[in-house]
N, C-alpha and C. Protein backbone atom coordinates (compact mmCIF):
# COMPACT_ATOMS: atom_id res chain seq x y z
N MET A 1 110.05 -148.70 -46.59
CA MET A 1 109.76 -148.19 -45.33
C MET A 1 108.59 -147.36 -45.31
N ALA A 2 107.65 -147.65 -44.38
CA ALA A 2 106.38 -146.78 -44.24
C ALA A 2 106.61 -145.32 -43.90
N ARG A 3 105.80 -144.46 -44.44
CA ARG A 3 105.90 -143.09 -44.30
C ARG A 3 104.93 -142.68 -43.11
N HIS A 4 105.31 -141.53 -42.50
CA HIS A 4 104.53 -140.94 -41.46
C HIS A 4 103.11 -140.54 -41.88
N ASN A 5 102.15 -140.59 -40.99
CA ASN A 5 100.83 -140.22 -41.25
C ASN A 5 100.66 -138.78 -41.77
N ARG A 6 99.65 -138.67 -42.64
CA ARG A 6 99.21 -137.35 -43.21
C ARG A 6 97.98 -136.92 -42.46
N ASP A 7 97.49 -135.58 -42.67
CA ASP A 7 96.26 -135.15 -42.11
C ASP A 7 95.41 -134.77 -43.28
N GLY A 8 94.09 -135.16 -43.16
CA GLY A 8 93.19 -134.66 -44.09
C GLY A 8 91.88 -134.22 -43.36
N GLN A 9 90.79 -133.60 -44.17
CA GLN A 9 89.53 -133.29 -43.52
C GLN A 9 88.45 -133.68 -44.46
N GLY A 10 87.34 -133.65 -43.95
CA GLY A 10 86.07 -133.90 -44.77
C GLY A 10 84.90 -133.68 -43.97
N ALA A 11 83.67 -133.56 -44.69
CA ALA A 11 82.39 -133.17 -44.12
C ALA A 11 81.46 -134.35 -44.40
N ASP A 12 80.56 -134.65 -43.45
CA ASP A 12 79.57 -135.72 -43.63
C ASP A 12 78.28 -135.12 -44.20
N GLN A 13 77.29 -135.99 -44.24
CA GLN A 13 76.01 -135.70 -44.80
C GLN A 13 75.27 -134.60 -44.02
N ARG A 14 75.65 -134.38 -42.73
CA ARG A 14 74.95 -133.27 -41.95
C ARG A 14 75.91 -132.11 -41.76
N GLY A 15 76.98 -132.12 -42.51
CA GLY A 15 77.78 -130.93 -42.42
C GLY A 15 78.89 -130.89 -41.32
N TYR A 16 78.94 -131.91 -40.46
CA TYR A 16 80.02 -132.10 -39.53
C TYR A 16 81.30 -132.19 -40.17
N GLN A 17 82.28 -131.45 -39.65
CA GLN A 17 83.68 -131.57 -40.10
C GLN A 17 84.51 -132.53 -39.30
N TYR A 18 85.29 -133.40 -40.02
CA TYR A 18 86.16 -134.37 -39.45
C TYR A 18 87.55 -134.05 -39.85
N ASP A 19 88.43 -134.55 -38.98
CA ASP A 19 89.85 -134.50 -39.18
C ASP A 19 90.25 -136.06 -39.30
N ILE A 20 91.15 -136.34 -40.28
CA ILE A 20 91.54 -137.64 -40.50
C ILE A 20 93.08 -137.73 -40.54
N SER A 21 93.60 -138.61 -39.76
CA SER A 21 95.14 -138.83 -39.75
C SER A 21 95.31 -140.22 -40.39
N PHE A 22 95.98 -140.32 -41.48
CA PHE A 22 95.96 -141.55 -42.29
C PHE A 22 97.40 -141.92 -42.74
N GLN A 23 97.64 -143.16 -43.05
CA GLN A 23 98.83 -143.59 -43.76
C GLN A 23 98.68 -143.43 -45.23
N PRO A 24 99.54 -142.68 -45.81
CA PRO A 24 99.31 -142.26 -47.26
C PRO A 24 99.47 -143.41 -48.22
N ASP A 25 100.12 -144.48 -47.68
CA ASP A 25 100.36 -145.68 -48.69
C ASP A 25 99.42 -146.89 -48.29
N TRP A 26 98.44 -146.58 -47.43
CA TRP A 26 97.43 -147.67 -47.18
C TRP A 26 96.10 -147.06 -47.53
N LEU A 27 95.70 -145.98 -46.89
CA LEU A 27 94.28 -145.53 -46.97
C LEU A 27 93.83 -145.05 -48.31
N ARG A 28 92.88 -145.56 -48.93
CA ARG A 28 92.23 -145.04 -50.17
C ARG A 28 91.22 -144.03 -49.94
N HIS A 29 90.25 -144.38 -49.00
CA HIS A 29 89.20 -143.50 -48.61
C HIS A 29 88.54 -143.89 -47.34
N VAL A 30 87.72 -142.87 -46.84
CA VAL A 30 86.88 -143.11 -45.60
C VAL A 30 85.52 -142.80 -45.99
N LYS A 31 84.60 -143.70 -45.74
CA LYS A 31 83.13 -143.47 -46.07
C LYS A 31 82.37 -143.49 -44.66
N VAL A 32 81.32 -142.61 -44.74
CA VAL A 32 80.50 -142.61 -43.44
C VAL A 32 79.03 -142.87 -43.92
N ALA A 33 78.43 -143.72 -42.98
CA ALA A 33 76.98 -144.04 -43.31
C ALA A 33 76.26 -143.65 -42.02
N ARG A 34 75.06 -142.94 -42.35
CA ARG A 34 74.11 -142.67 -41.19
C ARG A 34 72.72 -143.11 -41.66
N ASP A 35 71.88 -143.36 -40.70
CA ASP A 35 70.46 -143.62 -40.94
C ASP A 35 69.79 -142.35 -41.06
N LEU A 36 68.84 -142.14 -42.02
CA LEU A 36 68.02 -141.06 -42.23
C LEU A 36 66.79 -141.14 -41.50
N ASP A 37 66.09 -139.98 -41.28
CA ASP A 37 64.76 -140.06 -40.60
C ASP A 37 63.78 -140.93 -41.28
N THR A 38 63.97 -141.10 -42.62
CA THR A 38 62.99 -141.90 -43.42
C THR A 38 63.23 -143.38 -43.23
N GLY A 39 64.21 -143.73 -42.56
CA GLY A 39 64.49 -145.22 -42.33
C GLY A 39 65.58 -145.73 -43.44
N ARG A 40 65.89 -144.90 -44.26
CA ARG A 40 66.94 -145.35 -45.21
C ARG A 40 68.32 -144.92 -44.71
N GLN A 41 69.39 -145.50 -45.35
CA GLN A 41 70.69 -145.13 -44.93
C GLN A 41 71.38 -144.38 -46.02
N SER A 42 72.18 -143.37 -45.63
CA SER A 42 72.89 -142.51 -46.49
C SER A 42 74.44 -142.78 -46.43
N THR A 43 75.15 -143.02 -47.42
CA THR A 43 76.56 -143.27 -47.37
C THR A 43 77.27 -142.14 -48.13
N LYS A 44 78.29 -141.52 -47.67
CA LYS A 44 79.12 -140.59 -48.22
C LYS A 44 80.55 -140.75 -48.15
N THR A 45 81.36 -140.47 -49.18
CA THR A 45 82.77 -140.45 -49.00
C THR A 45 83.11 -139.25 -48.27
N LEU A 46 83.64 -139.56 -47.05
CA LEU A 46 84.14 -138.50 -46.10
C LEU A 46 85.48 -137.86 -46.47
N PHE A 47 86.29 -138.83 -46.94
CA PHE A 47 87.69 -138.36 -47.29
C PHE A 47 88.22 -139.34 -48.28
N ARG A 48 88.93 -138.65 -49.19
CA ARG A 48 89.64 -139.52 -50.42
C ARG A 48 91.13 -139.21 -50.32
N ASN A 49 91.94 -140.09 -50.31
CA ASN A 49 93.35 -139.90 -50.30
C ASN A 49 93.84 -139.28 -51.62
N PRO A 50 94.40 -138.02 -51.66
CA PRO A 50 94.72 -137.46 -52.78
C PRO A 50 95.86 -138.10 -53.68
N ALA A 51 96.58 -138.95 -53.02
CA ALA A 51 97.66 -139.65 -53.76
C ALA A 51 96.98 -140.72 -54.67
N ASP A 52 97.42 -140.83 -55.83
CA ASP A 52 96.87 -141.84 -56.72
C ASP A 52 97.60 -143.08 -56.81
N HIS A 53 98.74 -143.24 -56.11
CA HIS A 53 99.42 -144.36 -56.00
C HIS A 53 100.40 -144.47 -54.81
N ARG A 54 100.90 -145.67 -54.46
CA ARG A 54 101.70 -145.76 -53.38
C ARG A 54 103.22 -145.28 -53.71
N GLU A 55 103.76 -144.65 -52.68
CA GLU A 55 105.11 -144.26 -52.96
C GLU A 55 106.10 -145.15 -52.14
N ALA A 56 105.50 -145.88 -51.13
CA ALA A 56 106.34 -146.81 -50.34
C ALA A 56 105.54 -147.97 -49.85
N GLU A 57 106.17 -149.07 -49.45
CA GLU A 57 105.41 -150.08 -48.90
C GLU A 57 104.83 -149.74 -47.61
N THR A 58 103.64 -150.28 -47.31
CA THR A 58 102.94 -150.02 -45.96
C THR A 58 103.80 -150.91 -44.90
N GLY A 59 103.78 -150.43 -43.72
CA GLY A 59 104.35 -151.12 -42.60
C GLY A 59 103.59 -152.32 -42.34
N ASP A 60 103.90 -152.99 -41.18
CA ASP A 60 103.18 -154.08 -40.64
C ASP A 60 101.93 -153.67 -39.80
N ARG A 61 101.96 -152.38 -39.55
CA ARG A 61 100.84 -151.91 -38.66
C ARG A 61 100.01 -150.77 -39.48
N VAL A 62 98.73 -150.91 -39.44
CA VAL A 62 97.87 -149.89 -40.18
C VAL A 62 97.24 -149.02 -39.08
N ARG A 63 97.34 -147.63 -39.23
CA ARG A 63 96.79 -146.78 -38.32
C ARG A 63 96.01 -145.63 -39.05
N THR A 64 94.72 -145.40 -38.48
CA THR A 64 93.99 -144.29 -39.00
C THR A 64 93.25 -143.77 -37.77
N ARG A 65 93.21 -142.39 -37.69
CA ARG A 65 92.47 -141.68 -36.69
C ARG A 65 91.41 -140.81 -37.35
N VAL A 66 90.17 -140.85 -36.70
CA VAL A 66 89.10 -139.97 -37.18
C VAL A 66 88.52 -139.24 -35.97
N SER A 67 88.39 -137.93 -36.12
CA SER A 67 87.91 -137.15 -35.03
C SER A 67 86.90 -135.98 -35.45
N CYS A 68 85.94 -135.69 -34.69
CA CYS A 68 85.11 -134.67 -34.98
C CYS A 68 84.59 -134.07 -33.59
N PRO A 69 85.33 -132.98 -33.18
CA PRO A 69 84.89 -132.26 -31.90
C PRO A 69 83.49 -131.98 -31.67
N GLU A 70 82.86 -131.45 -32.64
CA GLU A 70 81.39 -131.17 -32.69
C GLU A 70 80.51 -132.19 -32.05
N GLN A 71 80.99 -133.48 -32.34
CA GLN A 71 80.09 -134.58 -32.05
C GLN A 71 80.73 -135.42 -30.84
N ASP A 72 81.78 -134.87 -30.37
CA ASP A 72 82.57 -135.68 -29.31
C ASP A 72 83.00 -137.09 -29.78
N LEU A 73 83.31 -137.08 -31.02
CA LEU A 73 83.71 -138.29 -31.73
C LEU A 73 85.36 -138.31 -31.87
N ASP A 74 85.98 -139.34 -31.52
CA ASP A 74 87.31 -139.39 -31.60
C ASP A 74 87.78 -140.97 -31.47
N PHE A 75 88.38 -141.48 -32.48
CA PHE A 75 88.79 -142.89 -32.39
C PHE A 75 90.02 -143.02 -33.29
N GLU A 76 90.94 -144.03 -32.83
CA GLU A 76 91.95 -144.46 -33.68
C GLU A 76 91.95 -145.94 -33.85
N VAL A 77 92.27 -146.35 -35.03
CA VAL A 77 92.33 -147.92 -35.36
C VAL A 77 93.76 -148.18 -35.69
N ALA A 78 94.35 -149.10 -34.94
CA ALA A 78 95.62 -149.61 -35.11
C ALA A 78 95.61 -151.14 -35.13
N ILE A 79 95.93 -151.67 -36.31
CA ILE A 79 95.91 -153.08 -36.38
C ILE A 79 97.27 -153.62 -36.93
N SER A 80 97.64 -154.85 -36.54
CA SER A 80 98.80 -155.43 -37.11
C SER A 80 98.37 -156.23 -38.45
N ASP A 81 99.09 -155.94 -39.50
CA ASP A 81 98.71 -156.52 -40.77
C ASP A 81 100.09 -156.90 -41.44
N PRO A 82 100.82 -157.92 -41.00
CA PRO A 82 102.11 -158.25 -41.53
C PRO A 82 102.10 -158.80 -42.90
N TYR A 83 100.94 -159.31 -43.35
CA TYR A 83 100.98 -159.71 -44.78
C TYR A 83 100.25 -158.91 -45.74
N GLY A 84 99.87 -157.74 -45.23
CA GLY A 84 99.23 -156.71 -46.02
C GLY A 84 97.86 -157.21 -46.67
N ALA A 85 97.24 -158.00 -45.89
CA ALA A 85 95.98 -158.67 -46.38
C ALA A 85 94.65 -157.97 -45.85
N VAL A 86 94.68 -156.97 -45.05
CA VAL A 86 93.53 -156.17 -44.70
C VAL A 86 93.14 -155.27 -45.71
N ARG A 87 91.88 -155.53 -46.17
CA ARG A 87 91.34 -154.59 -47.35
C ARG A 87 90.40 -153.40 -46.85
N ARG A 88 89.64 -153.86 -45.77
CA ARG A 88 88.63 -152.91 -45.32
C ARG A 88 88.42 -153.05 -43.91
N ILE A 89 88.14 -151.87 -43.18
CA ILE A 89 87.86 -151.86 -41.73
C ILE A 89 86.59 -151.14 -41.55
N LYS A 90 85.63 -151.73 -40.78
CA LYS A 90 84.42 -150.99 -40.50
C LYS A 90 84.35 -150.73 -38.97
N ILE A 91 83.88 -149.56 -38.70
CA ILE A 91 83.76 -149.16 -37.30
C ILE A 91 82.31 -148.54 -37.13
N VAL A 92 81.64 -148.90 -36.12
CA VAL A 92 80.39 -148.41 -35.70
C VAL A 92 80.61 -147.53 -34.49
N TYR A 93 80.37 -146.30 -34.57
CA TYR A 93 80.66 -145.32 -33.47
C TYR A 93 79.30 -144.86 -32.89
N GLU A 94 79.10 -145.08 -31.64
CA GLU A 94 77.86 -144.63 -30.89
C GLU A 94 77.90 -143.19 -30.49
N ILE A 95 77.06 -142.46 -31.09
CA ILE A 95 77.11 -140.89 -30.63
C ILE A 95 76.05 -140.76 -29.61
N ALA A 96 76.51 -140.09 -28.51
CA ALA A 96 75.62 -140.02 -27.32
C ALA A 96 74.99 -138.56 -27.49
N GLY A 97 73.71 -138.50 -26.97
CA GLY A 97 72.90 -137.29 -26.98
C GLY A 97 73.34 -136.48 -25.79
N ASP A 98 72.67 -135.25 -25.57
CA ASP A 98 72.90 -134.44 -24.51
C ASP A 98 72.68 -135.16 -23.04
N ASP A 99 71.75 -136.06 -23.04
CA ASP A 99 71.42 -136.75 -21.95
C ASP A 99 72.29 -137.93 -21.62
N GLY A 100 73.30 -138.22 -22.50
CA GLY A 100 74.10 -139.28 -22.21
C GLY A 100 73.76 -140.63 -22.93
N LYS A 101 72.50 -140.75 -23.28
CA LYS A 101 72.02 -141.86 -24.00
C LYS A 101 72.37 -141.95 -25.49
N ARG A 102 72.38 -143.20 -26.02
CA ARG A 102 72.60 -143.39 -27.36
C ARG A 102 71.71 -142.52 -28.18
N GLU A 103 72.26 -141.58 -29.09
CA GLU A 103 71.50 -140.87 -30.11
C GLU A 103 71.37 -141.54 -31.34
N GLU A 104 72.58 -142.05 -31.90
CA GLU A 104 72.61 -142.63 -33.18
C GLU A 104 73.97 -143.42 -33.21
N ASP A 105 73.94 -144.37 -34.17
CA ASP A 105 75.20 -145.04 -34.64
C ASP A 105 75.64 -144.53 -35.94
N VAL A 106 76.95 -144.19 -36.02
CA VAL A 106 77.54 -143.78 -37.35
C VAL A 106 78.55 -144.76 -37.76
N GLU A 107 78.45 -145.34 -38.97
CA GLU A 107 79.46 -146.29 -39.41
C GLU A 107 80.45 -145.73 -40.37
N PHE A 108 81.72 -146.06 -40.07
CA PHE A 108 82.86 -145.61 -40.93
C PHE A 108 83.46 -146.88 -41.65
N THR A 109 83.79 -146.70 -42.85
CA THR A 109 84.41 -147.72 -43.59
C THR A 109 85.81 -147.13 -44.04
N LEU A 110 86.92 -147.80 -43.67
CA LEU A 110 88.20 -147.44 -44.10
C LEU A 110 88.66 -148.54 -45.04
N GLU A 111 89.03 -148.04 -46.35
CA GLU A 111 89.49 -148.91 -47.37
C GLU A 111 90.87 -148.68 -47.87
N ARG A 112 91.63 -149.76 -48.11
CA ARG A 112 93.01 -149.55 -48.54
C ARG A 112 93.06 -149.29 -50.02
N LEU A 113 94.25 -148.78 -50.40
CA LEU A 113 94.58 -148.53 -51.78
C LEU A 113 94.69 -150.02 -52.46
N ARG A 114 94.26 -150.14 -53.66
CA ARG A 114 94.39 -151.32 -54.40
C ARG A 114 96.01 -151.85 -54.39
N GLN A 115 96.23 -153.02 -54.47
CA GLN A 115 97.61 -153.51 -54.50
C GLN A 115 98.36 -152.94 -55.68
N GLU A 116 97.76 -152.88 -56.90
CA GLU A 116 98.44 -152.40 -58.05
C GLU A 116 98.64 -151.04 -58.16
N ASP A 117 98.19 -150.18 -57.07
CA ASP A 117 98.32 -148.79 -57.07
C ASP A 117 99.65 -148.37 -56.59
C-alpha cells in the first residue's frame, strides 16, 4: 500500500526556496533548469529524496507538488500510472514578471526511484 506524501525543501540556482510534497516510494529527485543571461542553461538538483530505497509499493497514482511563494509558483502533478511505467515527468512553468508578461520559463524534472531500489 502506498504511503502518504512527505514534505521537503530545496533552493535553486538563484536562491529561491521551494517546498516539495512527494511520494516517498516514487520520487528520486527534482531537478530545476533555468536559462542564464549568457544564453546557456543551468540545471541543479533542487531536491533529493533522503530515502535510499522503497519501503512500499507505489500506488496507481503519482503525485508531486512544487511551490515557491516568492515567485508565485505552485503546481501539483497527479498522473495515473497503473503499470508503474512512468520514469520521468517534465514541467515547464512560465514565471510572470511584475507587468504580468512572461519573464522566463523554468523547467522541472521529476524522476522516479529505480525499480531495484
